[in-house]
Amino acid sequence: VQLQASGGGTVQPGGSLRLSCTASGMSSEYDFWTIGWIRQAPGKEREGVLCIGSSDDDTYIINSVKGRFTISFDNAKNTVHLQMNNVKPEDTAVYYCAVGEERSIYYTGRTVTWDYDFVGQGTLVTVSS
């Protein structure tokens, strides 16, 4: 599976940005999959942000971005989108898309993790005035 992310950049606080990640090879690798975005802010550990499962399209979004970020998957283009609205300086991070077989999704509200096997190259999002 190959993942190609795009859409990062610099945005002002309160602005919007959309990240996209096109996946190739998923259908030959998985019957069902979970795909989502993880991020790593400067000096911090990598964290799961949100993900979506292919079997039911359920989404899991951490509380710190809920109401601001959404995730969607375009089946025709095998592309997952992360729509970021009302961004905050604390959203500054390198964002990675990650995919794995749909197994268990561990969601607490504050955190979300899922079993992923492939991670795309990161795309930097900087929120700054």
C-alpha atoms as a PDB file:
ATOM      1  CA  VAL A   1       0.000   0.000   0.000  1.00  0.00           C
ATOM      2  CA  GLN A   2       1.249   3.434  -0.910  1.00  0.00           C
ATOM      3  CA  LEU A   3      -0.081   6.610   0.605  1.00  0.00           C
ATOM      4  CA  GLN A   4       0.442  10.021  -0.932  1.00  0.00           C
ATOM      5  CA  ALA A   5      -0.534  12.995   1.207  1.00  0.00           C
ATOM      6  CA  SER A   6      -0.982  16.580   0.123  1.00  0.00           C
ATOM      7  CA  GLY A   7      -2.513  19.846   1.204  1.00  0.00           C
ATOM      8  CA  GLY A   8      -0.341  21.067   4.043  1.00  0.00           C
ATOM      9  CA  GLY A   9       0.723  24.663   4.425  1.00  0.00           C
ATOM     10  CA  THR A  10       0.479  27.721   6.603  1.00  0.00           C
ATOM     11  CA  VAL A  11      -2.891  28.980   7.734  1.00  0.00           C
ATOM     12  CA  GLN A  12      -3.966  31.690  10.133  1.00  0.00           C
ATOM     13  CA  PRO A  13      -5.789  30.857  13.342  1.00  0.00           C
ATOM     14  CA  GLY A  14      -9.467  30.438  12.620  1.00  0.00           C
ATOM     15  CA  GLY A  15      -8.777  29.489   9.023  1.00  0.00           C
ATOM     16  CA  SER A  16      -9.400  26.276   7.118  1.00  0.00           C
ATOM     17  CA  LEU A  17      -7.274  23.733   5.344  1.00  0.00           C
ATOM     18  CA  ARG A  18      -7.961  20.411   3.672  1.00  0.00           C
ATOM     19  CA  LEU A  19      -5.511  17.561   3.617  1.00  0.00           C
ATOM     20  CA  SER A  20      -5.849  14.670   1.206  1.00  0.00           C
ATOM     21  CA  CYS A  21      -4.236  11.272   1.066  1.00  0.00           C
ATOM     22  CA  THR A  22      -4.566   8.979  -1.920  1.00  0.00           C
ATOM     23  CA  ALA A  23      -4.112   5.312  -1.234  1.00  0.00           C
ATOM     24  CA  SER A  24      -3.115   2.711  -3.785  1.00  0.00           C
ATOM     25  CA  GLY A  25      -3.129  -1.018  -3.294  1.00  0.00           C
ATOM     26  CA  MET A  26      -5.577  -1.152  -0.393  1.00  0.00           C
ATOM     27  CA  SER A  27      -8.104  -3.404  -2.066  1.00  0.00           C
ATOM     28  CA  SER A  28      -5.480  -6.046  -2.744  1.00  0.00           C
ATOM     29  CA  GLU A  29      -4.173  -5.785   0.800  1.00  0.00           C
ATOM     30  CA  TYR A  30      -7.359  -5.619   2.863  1.00  0.00           C
ATOM     31  CA  ASP A  31     -10.969  -6.698   2.750  1.00  0.00           C
ATOM     32  CA  PHE A  32     -11.799  -3.979   5.242  1.00  0.00           C
ATOM     33  CA  TRP A  33      -9.563  -1.226   6.468  1.00  0.00           C
ATOM     34  CA  THR A  34      -9.288   1.654   8.877  1.00  0.00           C
ATOM     35  CA  ILE A  35      -7.665   4.810   7.585  1.00  0.00           C
ATOM     36  CA  GLY A  36      -7.052   8.059   9.372  1.00  0.00           C
ATOM     37  CA  TRP A  37      -4.690  10.809  10.335  1.00  0.00           C
ATOM     38  CA  ILE A  38      -2.083  10.982  13.013  1.00  0.00           C
ATOM     39  CA  ARG A  39       0.009  14.030  13.824  1.00  0.00           C
ATOM     40  CA  GLN A  40       3.181  14.939  15.566  1.00  0.00           C
ATOM     41  CA  ALA A  41       3.664  18.397  16.975  1.00  0.00           C
ATOM     42  CA  PRO A  42       7.134  19.773  17.696  1.00  0.00           C
ATOM     43  CA  GLY A  43       8.529  18.196  20.836  1.00  0.00           C
ATOM     44  CA  LYS A  44       5.509  15.962  21.339  1.00  0.00           C
ATOM     45  CA  GLU A  45       4.656  12.346  20.735  1.00  0.00           C
ATOM     46  CA  ARG A  46       2.734  11.235  17.728  1.00  0.00           C
ATOM     47  CA  GLU A  47      -1.027  11.065  18.345  1.00  0.00           C
ATOM     48  CA  GLY A  48      -4.028   9.759  16.497  1.00  0.00           C
ATOM     49  CA  VAL A  49      -6.436  12.500  15.449  1.00  0.00           C
ATOM     50  CA  LEU A  50      -9.311  10.818  13.643  1.00  0.00           C
ATOM     51  CA  CYS A  51     -10.050   7.746  11.579  1.00  0.00           C
ATOM     52  CA  ILE A  52     -12.770   6.037   9.587  1.00  0.00           C
ATOM     53  CA  GLY A  53     -13.563   2.374   9.097  1.00  0.00           C
ATOM     54  CA  SER A  54     -14.539   0.962   5.726  1.00  0.00           C
ATOM     55  CA  SER A  55     -17.106  -1.565   6.951  1.00  0.00           C
ATOM     56  CA  ASP A  56     -19.469   0.976   8.511  1.00  0.00           C
ATOM     57  CA  ASP A  57     -17.999   4.423   7.767  1.00  0.00           C
ATOM     58  CA  ASP A  58     -17.995   5.142  11.479  1.00  0.00           C
ATOM     59  CA  THR A  59     -15.653   7.980  12.378  1.00  0.00           C
ATOM     60  CA  TYR A  60     -13.666   8.478  15.545  1.00  0.00           C
ATOM     61  CA  ILE A  61     -12.476  11.980  16.344  1.00  0.00           C
ATOM     62  CA  ILE A  62     -10.527  13.104  19.368  1.00  0.00           C
ATOM     63  CA  ASN A  63     -12.187  15.700  21.576  1.00  0.00           C
ATOM     64  CA  SER A  64      -9.604  18.399  20.975  1.00  0.00           C
ATOM     65  CA  VAL A  65     -10.592  18.665  17.300  1.00  0.00           C
ATOM     66  CA  LYS A  66     -14.195  17.499  17.400  1.00  0.00           C
ATOM     67  CA  GLY A  67     -16.489  20.052  15.831  1.00  0.00           C
ATOM     68  CA  ARG A  68     -13.565  21.486  13.858  1.00  0.00           C
ATOM     69  CA  PHE A  69     -12.092  18.548  11.943  1.00  0.00           C
ATOM     70  CA  THR A  70     -13.926  16.015   9.811  1.00  0.00           C
ATOM     71  CA  ILE A  71     -12.789  12.960   7.883  1.00  0.00           C
ATOM     72  CA  SER A  72     -14.264  11.492   4.738  1.00  0.00           C
ATOM     73  CA  PHE A  73     -13.306   8.838   2.211  1.00  0.00           C
ATOM     74  CA  ASP A  74     -13.896   9.114  -1.510  1.00  0.00           C
ATOM     75  CA  ASN A  75     -14.279   5.533  -2.691  1.00  0.00           C
ATOM     76  CA  ALA A  76     -14.061   6.451  -6.346  1.00  0.00           C
ATOM     77  CA  LYS A  77     -10.673   8.083  -5.851  1.00  0.00           C
ATOM     78  CA  ASN A  78      -9.399   6.008  -2.926  1.00  0.00           C
ATOM     79  CA  THR A  79      -8.693   9.253  -1.171  1.00  0.00           C
ATOM     80  CA  VAL A  80      -9.205  10.225   2.437  1.00  0.00           C
ATOM     81  CA  HIS A  81      -9.738  13.870   3.249  1.00  0.00           C
ATOM     82  CA  LEU A  82      -9.171  15.755   6.460  1.00  0.00           C
ATOM     83  CA  GLN A  83     -11.115  18.986   6.559  1.00  0.00           C
ATOM     84  CA  MET A  84      -9.682  21.316   9.177  1.00  0.00           C
ATOM     85  CA  ASN A  85     -11.791  24.307  10.184  1.00  0.00           C
ATOM     86  CA  ASN A  86     -11.258  26.946  12.836  1.00  0.00           C
ATOM     87  CA  VAL A  87      -7.673  25.814  13.234  1.00  0.00           C
ATOM     88  CA  LYS A  88      -5.699  26.725  16.319  1.00  0.00           C
ATOM     89  CA  PRO A  89      -1.967  27.188  16.903  1.00  0.00           C
ATOM     90  CA  GLU A  90      -1.938  23.891  18.812  1.00  0.00           C
ATOM     91  CA  ASP A  91      -2.946  22.132  15.583  1.00  0.00           C
ATOM     92  CA  THR A  92       0.514  22.882  14.197  1.00  0.00           C
ATOM     93  CA  ALA A  93       2.084  19.521  13.431  1.00  0.00           C
ATOM     94  CA  VAL A  94       3.208  17.161  10.738  1.00  0.00           C
ATOM     95  CA  TYR A  95       0.161  15.184   9.675  1.00  0.00           C
ATOM     96  CA  TYR A  96       0.413  11.623   8.420  1.00  0.00           C
ATOM     97  CA  CYS A  97      -2.215   9.370   6.936  1.00  0.00           C
ATOM     98  CA  ALA A  98      -2.131   5.800   8.187  1.00  0.00           C
ATOM     99  CA  VAL A  99      -4.021   2.670   7.161  1.00  0.00           C
ATOM    100  CA  GLY A 100      -4.376  -0.856   8.404  1.00  0.00           C
ATOM    101  CA  GLU A 101      -6.726  -3.800   8.421  1.00  0.00           C
ATOM    102  CA  GLU A 102      -9.925  -2.959  10.202  1.00  0.00           C
ATOM    103  CA  ARG A 103      -9.489  -4.661  13.536  1.00  0.00           C
ATOM    104  CA  SER A 104      -9.823  -2.780  16.770  1.00  0.00           C
ATOM    105  CA  ILE A 105     -10.153   0.929  17.164  1.00  0.00           C
ATOM    106  CA  TYR A 106      -9.281   2.167  20.636  1.00  0.00           C
ATOM    107  CA  TYR A 107     -11.210   5.315  21.316  1.00  0.00           C
ATOM    108  CA  THR A 108     -11.423   7.130  24.633  1.00  0.00           C
ATOM    109  CA  GLY A 109     -12.538  10.524  23.393  1.00  0.00           C
ATOM    110  CA  ARG A 110      -9.285  12.091  24.412  1.00  0.00           C
ATOM    111  CA  THR A 111      -7.325   9.649  22.289  1.00  0.00           C
ATOM    112  CA  VAL A 112      -7.834   7.367  19.316  1.00  0.00           C
ATOM    113  CA  THR A 113      -5.540   4.625  18.122  1.00  0.00           C
ATOM    114  CA  TRP A 114      -5.949   1.897  15.531  1.00  0.00           C
ATOM    115  CA  ASP A 115      -3.785  -0.829  14.096  1.00  0.00           C
ATOM    116  CA  TYR A 116      -2.043   0.568  11.052  1.00  0.00           C
ATOM    117  CA  ASP A 117       0.542  -1.052   8.838  1.00  0.00           C
ATOM    118  CA  PHE A 118       1.321   1.733   6.424  1.00  0.00           C
ATOM    119  CA  VAL A 119       2.036   5.405   7.022  1.00  0.00           C
ATOM    120  CA  GLY A 120       2.356   8.017   4.308  1.00  0.00           C
ATOM    121  CA  GLN A 121       4.887  10.781   4.156  1.00  0.00           C
ATOM    122  CA  GLY A 122       3.979  13.656   6.408  1.00  0.00           C
ATOM    123  CA  THR A 123       2.609  17.000   5.406  1.00  0.00           C
ATOM    124  CA  LEU A 124       3.320  20.024   7.562  1.00  0.00           C
ATOM    125  CA  VAL A 125       0.518  22.201   8.841  1.00  0.00           C
ATOM    126  CA  THR A 126       1.512  25.460  10.483  1.00  0.00           C
ATOM    127  CA  VAL A 127      -1.083  27.609  12.193  1.00  0.00           C
ATOM    128  CA  SER A 128       0.307  31.062  12.680  1.00  0.00           C
ATOM    129  CA  SER A 129      -0.693  34.670  12.311  1.00  0.00           C
END
